[in-house]
Amino acid sequence: MIDEIPGVEVVAEAATVTQALESVDTFKPDLVIVDLHMPGNGLALVETIGQRKERPTILVLTNYPYMQYRNRCLAAGAEYFFDKATEFDAVVRVLADMAHPAH
């Protein structure tokens, strides 16, 4: 579904935190979508990327939309935090807005 958004290109997918960090370093994406439940701890990925001086926008998409996770992710550097079950359309809007920002 993400590939269908005009102006958006998926440059990599990662199954683990280690793969995700390697992909961020290799491809230097504008945005990283993180699942908190990924192997290796998605929150650790958010924290690691969030500490970098030059980094992509971080969007957390999770089945665990609990307030304590939301607060920790946003404090760690995530710009967005969405519930997979009820807010996926918000992800599409964010990506479309990033691909075609209003002037």
PDB file of N, CA and C in Angstrom:
ATOM      1  N   MET A   1       0.824  -1.198   0.000  1.00  0.00           N
ATOM      2  CA  MET A   1       0.000   0.000   0.000  1.00  0.00           C
ATOM      3  C   MET A   1       0.868   1.263   0.000  1.00  0.00           C
ATOM      4  N   ILE A   2       1.965   1.224   0.725  1.00  0.00           N
ATOM      5  CA  ILE A   2       2.855   2.384   0.786  1.00  0.00           C
ATOM      6  C   ILE A   2       3.474   2.660  -0.581  1.00  0.00           C
ATOM      7  N   ASP A   3       3.839   1.606  -1.303  1.00  0.00           N
ATOM      8  CA  ASP A   3       4.424   1.771  -2.640  1.00  0.00           C
ATOM      9  C   ASP A   3       3.483   2.478  -3.612  1.00  0.00           C
ATOM     10  N   GLU A   4       2.198   2.453  -3.328  1.00  0.00           N
ATOM     11  CA  GLU A   4       1.223   3.050  -4.234  1.00  0.00           C
ATOM     12  C   GLU A   4       1.066   4.553  -4.046  1.00  0.00           C
ATOM     13  N   ILE A   5       1.680   5.124  -3.023  1.00  0.00           N
ATOM     14  CA  ILE A   5       1.570   6.559  -2.776  1.00  0.00           C
ATOM     15  C   ILE A   5       2.515   7.278  -3.731  1.00  0.00           C
ATOM     16  N   PRO A   6       1.989   8.171  -4.577  1.00  0.00           N
ATOM     17  CA  PRO A   6       2.847   8.873  -5.525  1.00  0.00           C
ATOM     18  C   PRO A   6       3.977   9.630  -4.817  1.00  0.00           C
ATOM     19  N   GLY A   7       5.185   9.473  -5.342  1.00  0.00           N
ATOM     20  CA  GLY A   7       6.335  10.164  -4.787  1.00  0.00           C
ATOM     21  C   GLY A   7       7.011   9.448  -3.638  1.00  0.00           C
ATOM     22  N   VAL A   8       6.472   8.299  -3.231  1.00  0.00           N
ATOM     23  CA  VAL A   8       7.052   7.544  -2.119  1.00  0.00           C
ATOM     24  C   VAL A   8       7.716   6.292  -2.672  1.00  0.00           C
ATOM     25  N   GLU A   9       8.952   6.060  -2.253  1.00  0.00           N
ATOM     26  CA  GLU A   9       9.686   4.877  -2.666  1.00  0.00           C
ATOM     27  C   GLU A   9      10.164   4.133  -1.423  1.00  0.00           C
ATOM     28  N   VAL A  10       9.824   2.859  -1.328  1.00  0.00           N
ATOM     29  CA  VAL A  10      10.325   2.019  -0.243  1.00  0.00           C
ATOM     30  C   VAL A  10      11.723   1.570  -0.658  1.00  0.00           C
ATOM     31  N   VAL A  11      12.738   1.956   0.122  1.00  0.00           N
ATOM     32  CA  VAL A  11      14.113   1.617  -0.242  1.00  0.00           C
ATOM     33  C   VAL A  11      14.617   0.375   0.467  1.00  0.00           C
ATOM     34  N   ALA A  12      13.969  -0.017   1.559  1.00  0.00           N
ATOM     35  CA  ALA A  12      14.402  -1.207   2.286  1.00  0.00           C
ATOM     36  C   ALA A  12      13.325  -1.638   3.263  1.00  0.00           C
ATOM     37  N   GLU A  13      13.378  -2.919   3.609  1.00  0.00           N
ATOM     38  CA  GLU A  13      12.570  -3.474   4.685  1.00  0.00           C
ATOM     39  C   GLU A  13      13.515  -4.252   5.574  1.00  0.00           C
ATOM     40  N   ALA A  14      13.246  -4.242   6.861  1.00  0.00           N
ATOM     41  CA  ALA A  14      14.126  -4.923   7.803  1.00  0.00           C
ATOM     42  C   ALA A  14      13.285  -5.729   8.790  1.00  0.00           C
ATOM     43  N   ALA A  15      13.744  -6.916   9.094  1.00  0.00           N
ATOM     44  CA  ALA A  15      13.026  -7.777  10.030  1.00  0.00           C
ATOM     45  C   ALA A  15      13.516  -7.615  11.456  1.00  0.00           C
ATOM     46  N   THR A  16      14.724  -7.064  11.615  1.00  0.00           N
ATOM     47  CA  THR A  16      15.300  -6.922  12.948  1.00  0.00           C
ATOM     48  C   THR A  16      15.862  -5.516  13.136  1.00  0.00           C
ATOM     49  N   VAL A  17      16.138  -5.168  14.362  1.00  0.00           N
ATOM     50  CA  VAL A  17      16.731  -3.866  14.669  1.00  0.00           C
ATOM     51  C   VAL A  17      18.083  -3.733  13.976  1.00  0.00           C
ATOM     52  N   THR A  18      18.890  -4.771  14.012  1.00  0.00           N
ATOM     53  CA  THR A  18      20.214  -4.730  13.377  1.00  0.00           C
ATOM     54  C   THR A  18      20.091  -4.455  11.887  1.00  0.00           C
ATOM     55  N   GLN A  19      19.179  -5.148  11.216  1.00  0.00           N
ATOM     56  CA  GLN A  19      18.959  -4.921   9.785  1.00  0.00           C
ATOM     57  C   GLN A  19      18.450  -3.507   9.532  1.00  0.00           C
ATOM     58  N   ALA A  20      17.571  -3.030  10.407  1.00  0.00           N
ATOM     59  CA  ALA A  20      17.027  -1.682  10.244  1.00  0.00           C
ATOM     60  C   ALA A  20      18.121  -0.627  10.348  1.00  0.00           C
ATOM     61  N   LEU A  21      19.002  -0.766  11.330  1.00  0.00           N
ATOM     62  CA  LEU A  21      20.097   0.195  11.484  1.00  0.00           C
ATOM     63  C   LEU A  21      21.034   0.163  10.286  1.00  0.00           C
ATOM     64  N   GLU A  22      21.325  -1.033   9.785  1.00  0.00           N
ATOM     65  CA  GLU A  22      22.160  -1.153   8.591  1.00  0.00           C
ATOM     66  C   GLU A  22      21.497  -0.476   7.401  1.00  0.00           C
ATOM     67  N   SER A  23      20.193  -0.659   7.253  1.00  0.00           N
ATOM     68  CA  SER A  23      19.464  -0.049   6.144  1.00  0.00           C
ATOM     69  C   SER A  23      19.436   1.470   6.263  1.00  0.00           C
ATOM     70  N   VAL A  24      19.255   1.982   7.462  1.00  0.00           N
ATOM     71  CA  VAL A  24      19.266   3.438   7.667  1.00  0.00           C
ATOM     72  C   VAL A  24      20.633   3.993   7.284  1.00  0.00           C
ATOM     73  N   ASP A  25      21.694   3.316   7.694  1.00  0.00           N
ATOM     74  CA  ASP A  25      23.051   3.773   7.369  1.00  0.00           C
ATOM     75  C   ASP A  25      23.336   3.692   5.876  1.00  0.00           C
ATOM     76  N   THR A  26      22.843   2.652   5.223  1.00  0.00           N
ATOM     77  CA  THR A  26      23.104   2.447   3.797  1.00  0.00           C
ATOM     78  C   THR A  26      22.276   3.369   2.915  1.00  0.00           C
ATOM     79  N   PHE A  27      20.981   3.453   3.180  1.00  0.00           N
ATOM     80  CA  PHE A  27      20.066   4.147   2.273  1.00  0.00           C
ATOM     81  C   PHE A  27      19.752   5.587   2.657  1.00  0.00           C
ATOM     82  N   LYS A  28      20.032   5.972   3.894  1.00  0.00           N
ATOM     83  CA  LYS A  28      19.758   7.338   4.374  1.00  0.00           C
ATOM     84  C   LYS A  28      18.334   7.782   4.010  1.00  0.00           C
ATOM     85  N   PRO A  29      17.330   7.029   4.457  1.00  0.00           N
ATOM     86  CA  PRO A  29      15.944   7.365   4.093  1.00  0.00           C
ATOM     87  C   PRO A  29      15.467   8.643   4.778  1.00  0.00           C
ATOM     88  N   ASP A  30      14.429   9.219   4.212  1.00  0.00           N
ATOM     89  CA  ASP A  30      13.803  10.406   4.806  1.00  0.00           C
ATOM     90  C   ASP A  30      12.937  10.017   5.998  1.00  0.00           C
ATOM     91  N   LEU A  31      12.411   8.801   5.980  1.00  0.00           N
ATOM     92  CA  LEU A  31      11.476   8.339   7.002  1.00  0.00           C
ATOM     93  C   LEU A  31      11.739   6.867   7.306  1.00  0.00           C
ATOM     94  N   VAL A  32      11.629   6.514   8.577  1.00  0.00           N
ATOM     95  CA  VAL A  32      11.704   5.123   9.006  1.00  0.00           C
ATOM     96  C   VAL A  32      10.403   4.793   9.732  1.00  0.00           C
ATOM     97  N   ILE A  33       9.765   3.708   9.316  1.00  0.00           N
ATOM     98  CA  ILE A  33       8.566   3.226   9.997  1.00  0.00           C
ATOM     99  C   ILE A  33       9.002   2.073  10.898  1.00  0.00           C
ATOM    100  N   VAL A  34       8.720   2.192  12.187  1.00  0.00           N
ATOM    101  CA  VAL A  34       9.172   1.216  13.177  1.00  0.00           C
ATOM    102  C   VAL A  34       7.970   0.525  13.805  1.00  0.00           C
ATOM    103  N   ASP A  35       8.059  -0.801  13.882  1.00  0.00           N
ATOM    104  CA  ASP A  35       7.079  -1.592  14.623  1.00  0.00           C
ATOM    105  C   ASP A  35       7.706  -1.901  15.979  1.00  0.00           C
ATOM    106  N   LEU A  36       7.047  -1.535  17.058  1.00  0.00           N
ATOM    107  CA  LEU A  36       7.614  -1.767  18.387  1.00  0.00           C
ATOM    108  C   LEU A  36       7.869  -3.242  18.676  1.00  0.00           C
ATOM    109  N   HIS A  37       7.122  -4.113  18.034  1.00  0.00           N
ATOM    110  CA  HIS A  37       7.214  -5.545  18.329  1.00  0.00           C
ATOM    111  C   HIS A  37       8.216  -6.276  17.432  1.00  0.00           C
ATOM    112  N   MET A  38       9.068  -5.535  16.730  1.00  0.00           N
ATOM    113  CA  MET A  38      10.037  -6.196  15.856  1.00  0.00           C
ATOM    114  C   MET A  38      11.125  -6.885  16.682  1.00  0.00           C
ATOM    115  N   PRO A  39      11.708  -7.959  16.159  1.00  0.00           N
ATOM    116  CA  PRO A  39      12.788  -8.638  16.881  1.00  0.00           C
ATOM    117  C   PRO A  39      13.949  -7.686  17.167  1.00  0.00           C
ATOM    118  N   GLY A  40      14.374  -7.662  18.401  1.00  0.00           N
ATOM    119  CA  GLY A  40      15.453  -6.772  18.799  1.00  0.00           C
ATOM    120  C   GLY A  40      14.967  -5.541  19.511  1.00  0.00           C
ATOM    121  N   ASN A  41      13.655  -5.358  19.627  1.00  0.00           N
ATOM    122  CA  ASN A  41      13.061  -4.264  20.387  1.00  0.00           C
ATOM    123  C   ASN A  41      12.959  -2.976  19.570  1.00  0.00           C
ATOM    124  N   GLY A  42      11.786  -2.724  19.037  1.00  0.00           N
ATOM    125  CA  GLY A  42      11.540  -1.522  18.244  1.00  0.00           C
ATOM    126  C   GLY A  42      11.784  -0.243  19.004  1.00  0.00           C
ATOM    127  N   LEU A  43      11.512  -0.233  20.303  1.00  0.00           N
ATOM    128  CA  LEU A  43      11.768   0.972  21.096  1.00  0.00           C
ATOM    129  C   LEU A  43      13.262   1.275  21.132  1.00  0.00           C
ATOM    130  N   ALA A  44      14.090   0.242  21.223  1.00  0.00           N
ATOM    131  CA  ALA A  44      15.545   0.448  21.183  1.00  0.00           C
ATOM    132  C   ALA A  44      15.962   1.053  19.850  1.00  0.00           C
ATOM    133  N   LEU A  45      15.315   0.651  18.772  1.00  0.00           N
ATOM    134  CA  LEU A  45      15.605   1.224  17.455  1.00  0.00           C
ATOM    135  C   LEU A  45      15.247   2.706  17.430  1.00  0.00           C
ATOM    136  N   VAL A  46      14.078   3.045  17.947  1.00  0.00           N
ATOM    137  CA  VAL A  46      13.664   4.448  18.012  1.00  0.00           C
ATOM    138  C   VAL A  46      14.685   5.256  18.820  1.00  0.00           C
ATOM    139  N   GLU A  47      15.091   4.721  19.950  1.00  0.00           N
ATOM    140  CA  GLU A  47      16.053   5.424  20.809  1.00  0.00           C
ATOM    141  C   GLU A  47      17.402   5.603  20.103  1.00  0.00           C
ATOM    142  N   THR A  48      17.861   4.575  19.427  1.00  0.00           N
ATOM    143  CA  THR A  48      19.152   4.646  18.742  1.00  0.00           C
ATOM    144  C   THR A  48      19.125   5.670  17.611  1.00  0.00           C
ATOM    145  N   ILE A  49      18.114   5.592  16.767  1.00  0.00           N
ATOM    146  CA  ILE A  49      18.013   6.545  15.657  1.00  0.00           C
ATOM    147  C   ILE A  49      17.742   7.948  16.181  1.00  0.00           C
ATOM    148  N   GLY A  50      16.903   8.035  17.203  1.00  0.00           N
ATOM    149  CA  GLY A  50      16.537   9.339  17.764  1.00  0.00           C
ATOM    150  C   GLY A  50      17.700  10.117  18.337  1.00  0.00           C
ATOM    151  N   GLN A  51      18.777   9.443  18.715  1.00  0.00           N
ATOM    152  CA  GLN A  51      19.947  10.109  19.290  1.00  0.00           C
ATOM    153  C   GLN A  51      20.893  10.665  18.230  1.00  0.00           C
ATOM    154  N   ARG A  52      20.701  10.287  17.009  1.00  0.00           N
ATOM    155  CA  ARG A  52      21.609  10.713  15.940  1.00  0.00           C
ATOM    156  C   ARG A  52      21.386  12.173  15.579  1.00  0.00           C
ATOM    157  N   LYS A  53      22.469  12.835  15.236  1.00  0.00           N
ATOM    158  CA  LYS A  53      22.373  14.245  14.841  1.00  0.00           C
ATOM    159  C   LYS A  53      21.643  14.380  13.502  1.00  0.00           C
ATOM    160  N   GLU A  54      22.071  13.611  12.522  1.00  0.00           N
ATOM    161  CA  GLU A  54      21.393  13.584  11.226  1.00  0.00           C
ATOM    162  C   GLU A  54      20.643  12.270  11.144  1.00  0.00           C
ATOM    163  N   ARG A  55      19.331  12.371  11.065  1.00  0.00           N
ATOM    164  CA  ARG A  55      18.521  11.156  11.108  1.00  0.00           C
ATOM    165  C   ARG A  55      17.230  11.341  10.332  1.00  0.00           C
ATOM    166  N   PRO A  56      16.610  10.218   9.987  1.00  0.00           N
ATOM    167  CA  PRO A  56      15.317  10.296   9.310  1.00  0.00           C
ATOM    168  C   PRO A  56      14.195  10.634  10.298  1.00  0.00           C
ATOM    169  N   THR A  57      13.083  11.031   9.760  1.00  0.00           N
ATOM    170  CA  THR A  57      11.861  11.147  10.545  1.00  0.00           C
ATOM    171  C   THR A  57      11.487   9.743  11.009  1.00  0.00           C
ATOM    172  N   ILE A  58      11.037   9.626  12.248  1.00  0.00           N
ATOM    173  CA  ILE A  58      10.672   8.321  12.802  1.00  0.00           C
ATOM    174  C   ILE A  58       9.162   8.265  12.996  1.00  0.00           C
ATOM    175  N   LEU A  59       8.554   7.239  12.407  1.00  0.00           N
ATOM    176  CA  LEU A  59       7.128   6.995  12.546  1.00  0.00           C
ATOM    177  C   LEU A  59       6.960   5.614  13.159  1.00  0.00           C
ATOM    178  N   VAL A  60       6.319   5.546  14.304  1.00  0.00           N
ATOM    179  CA  VAL A  60       6.055   4.269  14.966  1.00  0.00           C
ATOM    180  C   VAL A  60       4.646   3.826  14.594  1.00  0.00           C
ATOM    181  N   LEU A  61       4.538   2.581  14.124  1.00  0.00           N
ATOM    182  CA  LEU A  61       3.262   1.988  13.747  1.00  0.00           C
ATOM    183  C   LEU A  61       3.155   0.686  14.522  1.00  0.00           C
ATOM    184  N   THR A  62       2.187   0.598  15.420  1.00  0.00           N
ATOM    185  CA  THR A  62       2.175  -0.520  16.366  1.00  0.00           C
ATOM    186  C   THR A  62       0.782  -1.057  16.651  1.00  0.00           C
ATOM    187  N   ASN A  63       0.750  -2.290  17.098  1.00  0.00           N
ATOM    188  CA  ASN A  63      -0.475  -2.884  17.636  1.00  0.00           C
ATOM    189  C   ASN A  63      -0.558  -2.659  19.138  1.00  0.00           C
ATOM    190  N   TYR A  64       0.403  -1.954  19.692  1.00  0.00           N
ATOM    191  CA  TYR A  64       0.479  -1.678  21.130  1.00  0.00           C
ATOM    192  C   TYR A  64       0.449  -0.169  21.367  1.00  0.00           C
ATOM    193  N   PRO A  65      -0.703   0.465  21.140  1.00  0.00           N
ATOM    194  CA  PRO A  65      -0.775   1.925  21.191  1.00  0.00           C
ATOM    195  C   PRO A  65      -0.967   2.491  22.601  1.00  0.00           C
ATOM    196  N   TYR A  66      -0.351   1.850  23.558  1.00  0.00           N
ATOM    197  CA  TYR A  66      -0.524   2.284  24.948  1.00  0.00           C
ATOM    198  C   TYR A  66       0.191   3.597  25.199  1.00  0.00           C
ATOM    199  N   MET A  67      -0.390   4.412  26.080  1.00  0.00           N
ATOM    200  CA  MET A  67       0.136   5.742  26.351  1.00  0.00           C
ATOM    201  C   MET A  67       1.594   5.710  26.801  1.00  0.00           C
ATOM    202  N   GLN A  68       1.977   4.731  27.609  1.00  0.00           N
ATOM    203  CA  GLN A  68       3.372   4.695  28.073  1.00  0.00           C
ATOM    204  C   GLN A  68       4.327   4.451  26.902  1.00  0.00           C
ATOM    205  N   TYR A  69       3.939   3.642  25.912  1.00  0.00           N
ATOM    206  CA  TYR A  69       4.775   3.440  24.726  1.00  0.00           C
ATOM    207  C   TYR A  69       4.814   4.708  23.883  1.00  0.00           C
ATOM    208  N   ARG A  70       3.660   5.333  23.711  1.00  0.00           N
ATOM    209  CA  ARG A  70       3.590   6.569  22.938  1.00  0.00           C
ATOM    210  C   ARG A  70       4.525   7.617  23.560  1.00  0.00           C
ATOM    211  N   ASN A  71       4.426   7.805  24.863  1.00  0.00           N
ATOM    212  CA  ASN A  71       5.253   8.806  25.538  1.00  0.00           C
ATOM    213  C   ASN A  71       6.740   8.497  25.417  1.00  0.00           C
ATOM    214  N   ARG A  72       7.116   7.226  25.591  1.00  0.00           N
ATOM    215  CA  ARG A  72       8.531   6.847  25.493  1.00  0.00           C
ATOM    216  C   ARG A  72       9.054   7.040  24.078  1.00  0.00           C
ATOM    217  N   CYS A  73       8.268   6.669  23.085  1.00  0.00           N
ATOM    218  CA  CYS A  73       8.706   6.816  21.700  1.00  0.00           C
ATOM    219  C   CYS A  73       8.862   8.283  21.314  1.00  0.00           C
ATOM    220  N   LEU A  74       7.896   9.095  21.687  1.00  0.00           N
ATOM    221  CA  LEU A  74       7.986  10.516  21.359  1.00  0.00           C
ATOM    222  C   LEU A  74       9.155  11.172  22.093  1.00  0.00           C
ATOM    223  N   ALA A  75       9.391  10.787  23.336  1.00  0.00           N
ATOM    224  CA  ALA A  75      10.528  11.321  24.091  1.00  0.00           C
ATOM    225  C   ALA A  75      11.853  10.861  23.493  1.00  0.00           C
ATOM    226  N   ALA A  76      11.864   9.684  22.871  1.00  0.00           N
ATOM    227  CA  ALA A  76      13.093   9.131  22.285  1.00  0.00           C
ATOM    228  C   ALA A  76      13.389   9.691  20.898  1.00  0.00           C
ATOM    229  N   GLY A  77      12.451  10.450  20.331  1.00  0.00           N
ATOM    230  CA  GLY A  77      12.716  11.072  19.042  1.00  0.00           C
ATOM    231  C   GLY A  77      11.727  10.787  17.937  1.00  0.00           C
ATOM    232  N   ALA A  78      10.738   9.934  18.184  1.00  0.00           N
ATOM    233  CA  ALA A  78       9.737   9.675  17.150  1.00  0.00           C
ATOM    234  C   ALA A  78       8.877  10.914  16.940  1.00  0.00           C
ATOM    235  N   GLU A  79       8.635  11.214  15.687  1.00  0.00           N
ATOM    236  CA  GLU A  79       7.753  12.337  15.369  1.00  0.00           C
ATOM    237  C   GLU A  79       6.289  11.915  15.325  1.00  0.00           C
ATOM    238  N   TYR A  80       6.054  10.637  15.033  1.00  0.00           N
ATOM    239  CA  TYR A  80       4.694  10.124  14.895  1.00  0.00           C
ATOM    240  C   TYR A  80       4.565   8.793  15.620  1.00  0.00           C
ATOM    241  N   PHE A  81       3.357   8.520  16.112  1.00  0.00           N
ATOM    242  CA  PHE A  81       3.053   7.254  16.794  1.00  0.00           C
ATOM    243  C   PHE A  81       1.610   6.899  16.449  1.00  0.00           C
ATOM    244  N   PHE A  82       1.416   5.812  15.693  1.00  0.00           N
ATOM    245  CA  PHE A  82       0.081   5.446  15.243  1.00  0.00           C
ATOM    246  C   PHE A  82      -0.256   3.997  15.576  1.00  0.00           C
ATOM    247  N   ASP A  83      -1.529   3.775  15.815  1.00  0.00           N
ATOM    248  CA  ASP A  83      -2.101   2.448  16.053  1.00  0.00           C
ATOM    249  C   ASP A  83      -2.368   1.789  14.699  1.00  0.00           C
ATOM    250  N   LYS A  84      -1.782   0.615  14.470  1.00  0.00           N
ATOM    251  CA  LYS A  84      -1.973  -0.091  13.200  1.00  0.00           C
ATOM    252  C   LYS A  84      -3.446  -0.340  12.897  1.00  0.00           C
ATOM    253  N   ALA A  85      -4.201  -0.673  13.922  1.00  0.00           N
ATOM    254  CA  ALA A  85      -5.592  -1.079  13.715  1.00  0.00           C
ATOM    255  C   ALA A  85      -6.517   0.080  13.372  1.00  0.00           C
ATOM    256  N   THR A  86      -6.233   1.264  13.900  1.00  0.00           N
ATOM    257  CA  THR A  86      -7.194   2.356  13.737  1.00  0.00           C
ATOM    258  C   THR A  86      -6.638   3.609  13.064  1.00  0.00           C
ATOM    259  N   GLU A  87      -5.327   3.698  12.897  1.00  0.00           N
ATOM    260  CA  GLU A  87      -4.753   4.950  12.382  1.00  0.00           C
ATOM    261  C   GLU A  87      -3.872   4.769  11.154  1.00  0.00           C
ATOM    262  N   PHE A  88      -4.018   3.659  10.431  1.00  0.00           N
ATOM    263  CA  PHE A  88      -3.152   3.445   9.272  1.00  0.00           C
ATOM    264  C   PHE A  88      -3.342   4.530   8.227  1.00  0.00           C
ATOM    265  N   ASP A  89      -4.543   5.062   8.104  1.00  0.00           N
ATOM    266  CA  ASP A  89      -4.781   6.132   7.137  1.00  0.00           C
ATOM    267  C   ASP A  89      -3.937   7.377   7.461  1.00  0.00           C
ATOM    268  N   ALA A  90      -3.609   7.571   8.723  1.00  0.00           N
ATOM    269  CA  ALA A  90      -2.752   8.696   9.118  1.00  0.00           C
ATOM    270  C   ALA A  90      -1.337   8.496   8.577  1.00  0.00           C
ATOM    271  N   VAL A  91      -0.883   7.259   8.513  1.00  0.00           N
ATOM    272  CA  VAL A  91       0.435   6.960   7.948  1.00  0.00           C
ATOM    273  C   VAL A  91       0.459   7.369   6.476  1.00  0.00           C
ATOM    274  N   VAL A  92      -0.567   7.011   5.758  1.00  0.00           N
ATOM    275  CA  VAL A  92      -0.670   7.359   4.345  1.00  0.00           C
ATOM    276  C   VAL A  92      -0.640   8.880   4.175  1.00  0.00           C
ATOM    277  N   ARG A  93      -1.353   9.599   5.025  1.00  0.00           N
ATOM    278  CA  ARG A  93      -1.365  11.073   4.949  1.00  0.00           C
ATOM    279  C   ARG A  93       0.025  11.649   5.213  1.00  0.00           C
ATOM    280  N   VAL A  94       0.709  11.136   6.232  1.00  0.00           N
ATOM    281  CA  VAL A  94       2.057  11.629   6.556  1.00  0.00           C
ATOM    282  C   VAL A  94       2.988  11.406   5.367  1.00  0.00           C
ATOM    283  N   LEU A  95       2.960  10.218   4.801  1.00  0.00           N
ATOM    284  CA  LEU A  95       3.834   9.915   3.668  1.00  0.00           C
ATOM    285  C   LEU A  95       3.510  10.789   2.459  1.00  0.00           C
ATOM    286  N   ALA A  96       2.233  10.952   2.173  1.00  0.00           N
ATOM    287  CA  ALA A  96       1.839  11.801   1.056  1.00  0.00           C
ATOM    288  C   ALA A  96       2.266  13.241   1.298  1.00  0.00           C
ATOM    289  N   ASP A  97       2.116  13.734   2.509  1.00  0.00           N
ATOM    290  CA  ASP A  97       2.538  15.099   2.831  1.00  0.00           C
ATOM    291  C   ASP A  97       4.047  15.270   2.717  1.00  0.00           C
ATOM    292  N   MET A  98       4.803  14.241   3.119  1.00  0.00           N
ATOM    293  CA  MET A  98       6.259  14.319   3.000  1.00  0.00           C
ATOM    294  C   MET A  98       6.692  14.288   1.537  1.00  0.00           C
ATOM    295  N   ALA A  99       5.991  13.504   0.719  1.00  0.00           N
ATOM    296  CA  ALA A  99       6.338  13.384  -0.694  1.00  0.00           C
ATOM    297  C   ALA A  99       5.971  14.641  -1.477  1.00  0.00           C
ATOM    298  N   HIS A 100       4.922  15.323  -1.028  1.00  0.00           N
ATOM    299  CA  HIS A 100       4.439  16.514  -1.724  1.00  0.00           C
ATOM    300  C   HIS A 100       4.101  17.613  -0.724  1.00  0.00           C
ATOM    301  N   PRO A 101       5.119  18.210  -0.102  1.00  0.00           N
ATOM    302  CA  PRO A 101       4.845  19.235   0.918  1.00  0.00           C
ATOM    303  C   PRO A 101       4.156  20.468   0.299  1.00  0.00           C
ATOM    304  N   ALA A 102       3.287  21.053   1.090  1.00  0.00           N
ATOM    305  CA  ALA A 102       2.612  22.286   0.654  1.00  0.00           C
ATOM    306  C   ALA A 102       3.630  23.413   0.621  1.00  0.00           C
ATOM    307  N   HIS A 103       3.510  24.263  -0.350  1.00  0.00           N
ATOM    308  CA  HIS A 103       4.474  25.377  -0.459  1.00  0.00           C
ATOM    309  C   HIS A 103       3.984  26.571   0.317  1.00  0.00           C
TER     310      HIS A 103
END
